[in-house]
Amino acid sequence: YDVRKDHQEYEILLVSRGTWPNDSYQRIYPHVTSLYCDRDESIQESCPDVVAAVRDTEEFYAVIDFSGFDPEWIRDTVSLLQNTIVRVYVYISTDSVYEVSIPFVATSSVDNDYGKGQATLLNHYRLTREVDAVRPTDLKEQERLREFDTYGDDKLACEEELILQQQNDGFPWVALRLADVIGPRDTSPRWFLYQLWIKFYNDMTGGEKGGVPMYIPPFLIDQPLSVTYVEDAAWSVIRSIKGDIQTWNTAYNIASDEQMTLKKFLERMASLIIINTKNNDDVSHINKNSNSNNKIGANIVFSHDDGSHFYPSVYRGGIDVSKAKEVLGFVPTSIAEVFRKTVNWHEMAFNTMDEWRDEVVAELIEEHQLVSEEHIHSFLLAVGKNVQDEA
């Protein structure tokens, strides 16, 4: 969302830890009042500029909370705002809240990048709805689920704090439960990791045909996943702000209405990516019949044995966005447009955002060990040559 569109109508106060990823400093900073605050500490004790700004403000048309990861932070913010009119509080939540809710079916063992424990897999007869965010009554089961997904547990606790304060004559609220977010300027490296993995698929093994197989955990082979496009997330925030009591004090799932397995997700991404062939005379692996905007796709190979995977961050399947459609008038961006714009933006970032690109390349090598040691040098040469040629 471009804050400049409403800059004449609203004065925007942005509170953060002072990080400006990608090109956000150039695009956003000139149009907002920016104040520093670290919510790990009490706002009223450690953020005097924020406290002063709130006390000088009679009414906030909306408060949008992107960083509420701890229920204590929500309580702290509610206390700060108790003498200020808040028309509506929009809380950016997550589909991870369903990971700590009453399970649908038996559990399955999980041991991967996201934690060790038992994941509860959703029956495929329907997608997860907002009403499914209900904690088990058994306290031991609550604790077991919390140990598996502390993030989801804390985010659900944050929602519960907002419900509690509203019941005590507080301000109205909206919780937007986003799936894995993808799109231009998403600050997570997950998509970029996959795009570079595909782009330099063969260079990771020294140009040998086949590349490094992409890992699909066995329990995710048939599991549908949901994604949230950044522009759809922005739309839902603006729509929530411009709503009324008929649309507030509730939660909404916000995601694409087209679900897919991780394998289909990666195949769709690969069909749009121009892979590197500059250092490889053998181009028989290239899909020359790709119809994706005349770009070249890679015929990637999958493995269920072992490895790194970056999506999904949840294991109970896709989420149902029917409520957002019916109440908010939500129309998700087509998944074809989402993938096209996301691939194109990351290709631009590869060629222009040197620091971020180099960080993701290092993560591929060092953290995920996707490039064999004997081919690291040639892989880095291929990355560097590709950047120079594009420039």
Foldseek 3Di string as FASTA:
>chain_A
DQVVVCLVPDAAEAEEQPDQPDCNCVRPVVSHHYAYDDLVDQCVVPGVVVLVVLVVAQEDLEAEDPDQQALVSLVSVQVSNVRHHHQEYEYEFAPLLLLQFDADDDWDFDDAPQDGATGGAADPPDFAEQVRNHHDPDVVSNVRSCNSPVRSVRRVSNLVSQLVQVVVVGHWYEYEHFFAEFFFPPPDCQVVLLLLCLQAQCLLAPNDPARFAAEDAPLQPFFWEWYAYPVLVVVVVVLVSPDHPVPIPGYFYGTDPDIDGPVVVSQLLQLQHAHDCPPYPDPVQWDCPRPLVNHIGGPHHHDNPDFHHRDDSHRHGYHDRVVCCVRSVRDGDDVSVRSNRRNVNSVVCLQPVVVVVVVSLCCVCPVRNSHDPVSNVVSVVSSVVVSVVVD
